[in-house]
Amino acid sequence: MQQRSGTATIYSVARLAGVSIASVSRVLQGSATVSDTTRRRVLEAVESLNYVPTSAARSLAVRHHEAQALVLPELVGPYYSELLMGFEARAAELGHGVLLLQAAGRDDLRTAVRRLVGRVDGVAVMGSSAIPEAVVETVRSAKPVLLVAGDPRPGVEAIATESASSTVFLTQHLFEHGRDRVVFVGNPDAAPDVRDRHRGYVEAHEGRGREPRPPVRVAFREANGTAVGEQWLRGEIDADALVCANDELALSVMRRLQDSGVDVPKRLAVVGFDDLMTSRYVRPGLTTVSQPVRELGALAAERLHELTSGRTPHPGLTVLPTRPVLRGSCGCPEQLAVPA
């Protein structure tokens, strides 16, 4: 039976693993002087007991307020850079340092999170399929936790930017341009915000009595956008418009098509999400959705500061507004396109 969160100690971990307290300490500190067998037994005991090092409890008791942590799926792309800059700037204003943990490529994520928890006053966790729900529960057992762009859950505060309504608008806007084979590009299972953008795409179709096409499931990578462009060129994607889940995908699709002499938007309209700076300067300009990513990061740091100061978590989800921006890639005349 799993021990109740907060009652496990280093002694109970040592007993369950059948090793000394010193061995437990060495494993938790990442020492290379223990055998693989000992490390496995200790980590299994830590997992079973949901143990967090006691330094975390001491930090919580004295309310140090010296550091906040941010757990992200990865650091690739401008979205995470903007989020991190907003988080770091606001944390600094509130007197906090920032520790960052990247989940991508780790097979010891929960162990890494436990070590992190012992060094900070609170943790903000990005909603992503790369970060299991158990990570949030691991933090919650010892420290205040905040979900960023994630689904709310009982007792855990969550903040996000709006995704569904803006995607409804963009998809309907493409219908108004006469497009009737609109395809969503992005993996709805990757994160709650991508799921919500796909939901907006589906709702726009259902609102017009149309059948939504299956999404082209790709991750947020420039190379994947290029590959989608190549698929369209080979006739493997039957579409006259693409609703891309972020600007990186949209911009790389556009470049691949334009390199092959395809007229965007005459032959294929393309829209994105994020309103990256590049989206304003390509030709045609990219129709997209402007979202306050830096402000989201700043709000995360501020809300986490409040939680570590003893405030009760707000119920539900706090949503920051987004704004569709019309440019030429959807079919609007560039000189007439204005923010919606």
Protein backbone atom coordinates (compact mmCIF):
# COMPACT_ATOMS: atom_id res chain seq x y z
CA MET A 1 0.00 0.00 0.00
CA GLN A 2 1.26 3.46 -0.84
CA GLN A 3 2.04 5.57 2.21
CA ARG A 4 0.07 8.80 2.55
CA SER A 5 1.85 11.83 1.08
CA GLY A 6 3.86 13.79 3.60
CA THR A 7 4.36 10.92 6.14
CA ALA A 8 7.26 9.12 4.46
CA THR A 9 10.76 9.69 5.84
CA ILE A 10 14.25 8.73 4.75
CA TYR A 11 14.10 6.03 7.42
CA SER A 12 10.97 4.44 5.93
CA VAL A 13 12.55 4.56 2.47
CA ALA A 14 15.66 2.83 3.80
CA ARG A 15 13.57 0.16 5.53
CA LEU A 16 11.49 -0.58 2.47
CA ALA A 17 14.55 -0.71 0.21
CA GLY A 18 16.55 -2.78 2.68
CA VAL A 19 19.54 -0.41 2.59
CA SER A 20 21.20 2.10 4.88
CA ILE A 21 20.11 5.72 5.26
CA ALA A 22 23.47 6.74 3.79
CA SER A 23 22.73 4.73 0.65
CA VAL A 24 19.34 6.41 0.28
CA SER A 25 21.01 9.81 0.62
CA ARG A 26 23.64 8.98 -1.99
CA VAL A 27 21.00 7.80 -4.48
CA LEU A 28 18.89 10.93 -3.99
CA GLN A 29 21.95 13.14 -4.47
CA GLY A 30 22.75 11.38 -7.76
CA SER A 31 25.98 9.83 -6.55
CA ALA A 32 27.68 7.35 -8.87
CA THR A 33 29.15 5.36 -5.97
CA VAL A 34 26.08 3.13 -5.48
CA SER A 35 25.32 0.00 -7.45
CA ASP A 36 22.55 -0.16 -10.04
CA THR A 37 20.71 -2.68 -7.86
CA THR A 38 20.77 -0.37 -4.83
CA ARG A 39 19.72 2.62 -6.91
CA ARG A 40 16.81 0.68 -8.38
CA ARG A 41 15.61 -0.51 -4.94
CA VAL A 42 15.83 2.97 -3.45
CA LEU A 43 14.00 4.62 -6.33
CA GLU A 44 11.28 1.97 -6.22
CA ALA A 45 10.84 2.65 -2.49
CA VAL A 46 10.76 6.41 -3.08
CA GLU A 47 8.10 5.92 -5.74
CA SER A 48 6.03 3.58 -3.61
CA LEU A 49 6.09 5.92 -0.59
CA ASN A 50 5.80 9.13 -2.63
CA TYR A 51 8.77 10.39 -0.62
CA VAL A 52 10.03 13.96 -0.93
CA PRO A 53 13.37 14.85 0.78
CA THR A 54 12.89 16.51 4.15
CA SER A 55 14.67 19.66 2.99
CA ALA A 56 11.48 20.41 1.08
CA ALA A 57 9.44 20.30 4.27
CA ARG A 58 11.95 22.52 6.09
CA SER A 59 11.81 25.08 3.29
CA LEU A 60 8.03 25.13 3.40
CA ALA A 61 7.98 25.51 7.17
CA VAL A 62 10.26 28.55 7.26
CA ARG A 63 8.72 30.16 4.13
CA HIS A 64 12.03 31.10 2.55
CA HIS A 65 10.51 32.50 -0.66
CA GLU A 66 13.90 32.50 -2.34
CA ALA A 67 13.29 30.40 -5.45
CA GLN A 68 10.53 29.22 -7.76
CA ALA A 69 10.74 26.37 -10.25
CA LEU A 70 9.32 26.00 -13.74
CA VAL A 71 8.92 22.53 -15.27
CA LEU A 72 8.64 22.65 -19.07
CA PRO A 73 8.37 19.83 -21.63
CA GLU A 74 11.24 21.37 -23.62
CA LEU A 75 12.96 24.66 -24.48
CA VAL A 76 12.76 24.46 -28.27
CA GLY A 77 11.00 27.33 -30.03
CA PRO A 78 10.05 30.93 -29.29
CA TYR A 79 6.94 30.07 -27.24
CA TYR A 80 8.95 28.67 -24.34
CA SER A 81 11.47 31.52 -24.56
CA GLU A 82 8.68 34.09 -24.20
CA LEU A 83 7.05 32.17 -21.34
CA LEU A 84 10.35 31.83 -19.50
CA MET A 85 11.25 35.51 -19.94
CA GLY A 86 7.92 36.56 -18.46
CA PHE A 87 8.26 34.10 -15.58
CA GLU A 88 11.84 35.08 -14.75
CA ALA A 89 11.21 38.83 -14.93
CA ARG A 90 8.20 38.74 -12.59
CA ALA A 91 9.88 36.29 -10.20
CA ALA A 92 12.88 38.62 -9.95
CA GLU A 93 10.59 41.56 -9.14
CA LEU A 94 9.15 39.48 -6.31
CA GLY A 95 12.60 38.55 -5.01
CA HIS A 96 12.77 34.98 -6.31
CA GLY A 97 15.40 33.10 -8.22
CA VAL A 98 14.21 30.61 -10.84
CA LEU A 99 15.18 26.97 -11.32
CA LEU A 100 14.23 25.31 -14.60
CA LEU A 101 13.63 21.63 -15.32
CA GLN A 102 13.18 20.31 -18.85
CA ALA A 103 11.20 17.07 -19.13
CA ALA A 104 12.18 16.05 -22.67
CA GLY A 105 14.50 13.07 -22.88
CA ARG A 106 14.38 12.26 -19.16
CA ASP A 107 13.53 8.80 -17.89
CA ASP A 108 13.96 9.95 -14.27
CA LEU A 109 11.54 12.88 -14.33
CA ARG A 110 9.76 12.18 -11.04
CA THR A 111 13.09 11.68 -9.28
CA ALA A 112 14.40 14.93 -10.76
CA VAL A 113 11.23 16.72 -9.65
CA ARG A 114 11.62 15.41 -6.11
CA ARG A 115 15.16 16.80 -5.96
CA LEU A 116 13.92 20.10 -7.38
CA VAL A 117 11.12 20.39 -4.81
CA GLY A 118 13.67 20.37 -2.00
CA ARG A 119 15.35 23.50 -3.39
CA VAL A 120 12.39 25.80 -4.09
CA ASP A 121 9.29 27.26 -2.46
CA GLY A 122 6.85 26.42 -5.26
CA VAL A 123 6.68 24.84 -8.70
CA ALA A 124 4.87 25.85 -11.90
CA VAL A 125 4.25 22.90 -14.25
CA MET A 126 3.45 23.20 -17.96
CA GLY A 127 0.48 21.18 -19.21
CA SER A 128 1.89 18.63 -21.67
CA SER A 129 1.72 14.95 -22.49
CA ALA A 130 5.49 14.93 -21.83
CA ILE A 131 4.83 15.69 -18.15
CA PRO A 132 2.70 13.00 -16.47
CA GLU A 133 -0.06 13.99 -14.05
CA ALA A 134 1.84 12.12 -11.33
CA VAL A 135 4.50 14.86 -11.42
CA VAL A 136 1.94 17.41 -10.25
CA GLU A 137 0.87 15.13 -7.41
CA THR A 138 4.51 14.61 -6.43
CA VAL A 139 4.98 18.36 -6.05
CA ARG A 140 1.61 18.88 -4.42
CA SER A 141 2.48 16.50 -1.62
CA ALA A 142 5.18 18.91 -0.41
CA LYS A 143 4.93 22.35 -2.03
CA PRO A 144 2.51 24.76 -3.71
CA VAL A 145 2.04 23.89 -7.38
CA LEU A 146 0.55 25.79 -10.32
CA LEU A 147 -0.48 24.42 -13.71
CA VAL A 148 0.33 26.53 -16.77
CA ALA A 149 -1.69 25.83 -19.95
CA GLY A 150 -3.03 22.72 -18.26
CA ASP A 151 -6.41 21.35 -17.23
CA PRO A 152 -7.57 22.38 -13.75
CA ARG A 153 -7.95 19.72 -11.12
CA PRO A 154 -9.28 19.82 -7.53
CA GLY A 155 -6.95 21.74 -5.24
CA VAL A 156 -4.54 22.77 -8.02
CA GLU A 157 -4.67 26.26 -9.52
CA ALA A 158 -4.39 26.55 -13.31
CA ILE A 159 -3.88 29.40 -15.79
CA ALA A 160 -3.90 29.42 -19.59
CA THR A 161 -4.53 31.51 -22.68
CA GLU A 162 -7.73 31.12 -24.67
CA SER A 163 -7.43 28.72 -27.63
CA ALA A 164 -10.78 27.35 -28.80
CA SER A 165 -12.78 30.50 -29.66
CA SER A 166 -9.95 32.07 -31.66
CA THR A 167 -9.59 28.88 -33.69
CA VAL A 168 -13.34 28.84 -34.31
CA PHE A 169 -13.00 32.35 -35.73
CA LEU A 170 -10.03 31.50 -37.98
CA THR A 171 -11.69 28.35 -39.33
CA GLN A 172 -14.96 30.16 -40.04
CA HIS A 173 -12.97 32.95 -41.67
CA LEU A 174 -11.46 30.42 -44.07
CA PHE A 175 -14.97 29.19 -44.91
CA GLU A 176 -15.90 32.79 -45.71
CA HIS A 177 -12.99 32.88 -48.17
CA GLY A 178 -14.66 29.97 -49.98
CA ARG A 179 -12.39 27.22 -48.61
CA ASP A 180 -14.18 23.92 -48.18
CA ARG A 181 -11.35 21.44 -47.53
CA VAL A 182 -9.87 22.79 -44.32
CA VAL A 183 -7.46 20.55 -42.40
CA PHE A 184 -6.04 20.95 -38.88
CA VAL A 185 -2.26 20.46 -38.50
CA GLY A 186 -1.07 19.51 -35.01
CA ASN A 187 -1.44 16.75 -32.45
CA PRO A 188 -4.48 17.32 -30.17
CA ASP A 189 -3.07 14.79 -27.70
CA ALA A 190 0.17 16.75 -27.20
CA ALA A 191 -1.17 19.33 -24.75
CA PRO A 192 -4.45 20.82 -23.52
CA ASP A 193 -4.02 24.03 -25.53
CA VAL A 194 -3.52 22.10 -28.79
CA ARG A 195 -6.55 19.97 -27.93
CA ASP A 196 -8.60 23.15 -27.43
CA ARG A 197 -7.45 24.58 -30.76
CA HIS A 198 -8.53 21.40 -32.48
CA ARG A 199 -11.83 21.58 -30.60
CA GLY A 200 -12.35 25.08 -32.01
CA TYR A 201 -11.63 23.76 -35.51
CA VAL A 202 -14.24 20.99 -35.01
CA GLU A 203 -16.83 23.39 -33.54
CA ALA A 204 -16.46 25.72 -36.54
CA HIS A 205 -17.25 22.82 -38.87
CA GLU A 206 -20.17 21.61 -36.80
CA GLY A 207 -21.57 25.14 -36.66
CA ARG A 208 -21.74 25.13 -40.47
CA GLY A 209 -23.09 21.58 -40.71
CA ARG A 210 -19.77 20.34 -42.12
CA GLU A 211 -17.80 17.19 -41.33
CA PRO A 212 -14.36 18.00 -39.89
CA ARG A 213 -11.46 16.13 -41.47
CA PRO A 214 -9.02 14.13 -39.32
CA PRO A 215 -6.05 16.18 -38.09
CA VAL A 216 -2.55 15.81 -39.47
CA ARG A 217 -0.91 14.75 -36.21
CA VAL A 218 2.54 16.29 -35.97
CA ALA A 219 4.60 17.81 -33.15
CA PHE A 220 5.55 21.49 -32.97
CA ARG A 221 8.71 21.23 -35.06
CA GLU A 222 9.83 23.28 -38.04
CA ALA A 223 10.86 20.08 -39.82
CA ASN A 224 7.34 18.70 -39.37
CA GLY A 225 5.86 21.73 -41.09
CA THR A 226 8.23 21.18 -43.99
CA ALA A 227 7.14 17.53 -44.13
CA VAL A 228 3.47 18.56 -44.17
CA GLY A 229 4.19 20.88 -47.10
CA GLU A 230 5.84 17.99 -48.94
CA GLN A 231 2.85 15.74 -48.24
CA TRP A 232 0.52 18.36 -49.70
CA LEU A 233 2.72 18.70 -52.77
CA ARG A 234 2.56 14.93 -53.31
CA GLY A 235 -1.25 15.00 -53.05
CA GLU A 236 -1.30 13.09 -49.76
CA ILE A 237 -3.19 15.88 -47.97
CA ASP A 238 -6.38 16.95 -49.74
CA ALA A 239 -6.84 20.51 -48.53
CA ASP A 240 -7.33 24.03 -49.79
CA ALA A 241 -6.60 25.51 -46.34
CA LEU A 242 -4.54 24.48 -43.31
CA VAL A 243 -5.24 25.51 -39.71
CA CYS A 244 -1.84 25.03 -38.08
CA ALA A 245 -1.66 24.66 -34.31
CA ASN A 246 1.25 27.11 -34.08
CA ASP A 247 3.15 29.60 -36.22
CA GLU A 248 6.27 27.46 -36.54
CA LEU A 249 4.30 24.80 -38.39
CA ALA A 250 2.47 27.36 -40.51
CA LEU A 251 5.61 29.29 -41.50
CA SER A 252 7.57 26.18 -42.41
CA VAL A 253 4.64 24.87 -44.49
CA MET A 254 4.48 28.20 -46.34
CA ARG A 255 8.19 28.26 -47.04
CA ARG A 256 8.21 24.72 -48.41
CA LEU A 257 5.29 25.48 -50.72
CA GLN A 258 6.70 28.80 -51.89
CA ASP A 259 10.07 27.16 -52.60
CA SER A 260 8.14 24.92 -55.01
CA GLY A 261 6.39 27.82 -56.67
CA VAL A 262 3.02 27.36 -54.96
CA ASP A 263 0.99 30.54 -54.57
CA VAL A 264 -0.07 31.00 -50.91
CA PRO A 265 -2.95 31.68 -50.41
CA LYS A 266 -4.27 31.29 -53.97
CA ARG A 267 -3.76 27.53 -54.07
CA LEU A 268 -3.53 26.86 -50.35
CA ALA A 269 -4.46 29.18 -47.48
CA VAL A 270 -2.44 28.79 -44.27
CA VAL A 271 -3.14 30.15 -40.77
CA GLY A 272 -1.24 29.70 -37.50
CA PHE A 273 -1.34 30.47 -33.79
CA ASP A 274 1.03 32.60 -31.60
CA ASP A 275 1.75 35.68 -33.75
CA LEU A 276 5.52 35.30 -33.75
CA MET A 277 7.45 38.35 -34.90
CA THR A 278 8.38 36.54 -38.12
CA SER A 279 4.68 36.17 -38.95
CA ARG A 280 4.41 39.93 -39.48
CA TYR A 281 7.27 40.15 -41.97
CA VAL A 282 6.86 37.15 -44.27
CA ARG A 283 4.92 37.67 -47.49
CA PRO A 284 2.12 37.07 -47.47
CA GLY A 285 1.84 37.96 -43.80
CA LEU A 286 0.64 35.06 -41.69
CA THR A 287 -2.93 35.15 -40.42
CA THR A 288 -2.71 33.89 -36.87
CA VAL A 289 -3.75 34.39 -33.23
CA SER A 290 -1.89 36.74 -30.92
CA GLN A 291 -1.59 35.31 -27.42
CA PRO A 292 0.04 36.95 -24.37
CA VAL A 293 2.69 34.31 -23.71
CA ARG A 294 5.06 36.58 -21.78
CA GLU A 295 2.15 37.84 -19.68
CA LEU A 296 1.18 34.21 -19.00
CA GLY A 297 4.68 33.54 -17.67
CA ALA A 298 4.56 36.65 -15.49
CA LEU A 299 1.14 35.68 -14.12
CA ALA A 300 2.47 32.20 -13.31
CA ALA A 301 5.29 33.67 -11.22
CA GLU A 302 2.90 36.04 -9.46
CA ARG A 303 0.29 33.40 -8.68
CA LEU A 304 2.98 31.01 -7.47
CA HIS A 305 4.35 33.72 -5.17
CA GLU A 306 0.87 34.16 -3.70
CA LEU A 307 0.47 30.42 -3.19
CA THR A 308 3.82 30.12 -1.41
CA SER A 309 2.69 33.00 0.82
CA GLY A 310 -0.25 30.92 2.01
CA ARG A 311 -3.11 31.87 -0.30
CA THR A 312 -5.67 29.14 -1.03
CA PRO A 313 -5.60 28.02 -4.70
CA HIS A 314 -8.22 29.64 -6.93
CA PRO A 315 -10.73 27.05 -8.19
CA GLY A 316 -11.01 26.30 -11.89
CA LEU A 317 -9.02 27.87 -14.69
CA THR A 318 -7.93 31.49 -15.19
CA VAL A 319 -7.91 32.27 -18.93
CA LEU A 320 -6.10 35.18 -20.59
CA PRO A 321 -7.72 36.48 -23.81
CA THR A 322 -6.22 35.99 -27.27
CA ARG A 323 -6.84 37.94 -30.50
CA PRO A 324 -7.09 36.78 -34.11
CA VAL A 325 -4.88 38.77 -36.49
CA LEU A 326 -5.79 38.81 -40.18
CA ARG A 327 -3.03 39.09 -42.79
CA GLY A 328 -2.59 37.83 -46.33
CA SER A 329 -2.03 34.07 -45.90
CA CYS A 330 -5.76 33.38 -45.44
CA GLY A 331 -6.74 35.19 -48.63
CA CYS A 332 -7.35 38.68 -47.25
CA PRO A 333 -5.86 41.54 -49.30
CA GLU A 334 -2.69 42.41 -47.38
CA GLN A 335 -3.43 46.12 -47.38
CA LEU A 336 -6.96 45.62 -46.04
CA ALA A 337 -6.26 42.94 -43.43
CA VAL A 338 -6.68 44.22 -39.89
CA PRO A 339 -6.76 42.58 -36.46
CA ALA A 340 -10.15 40.98 -35.80
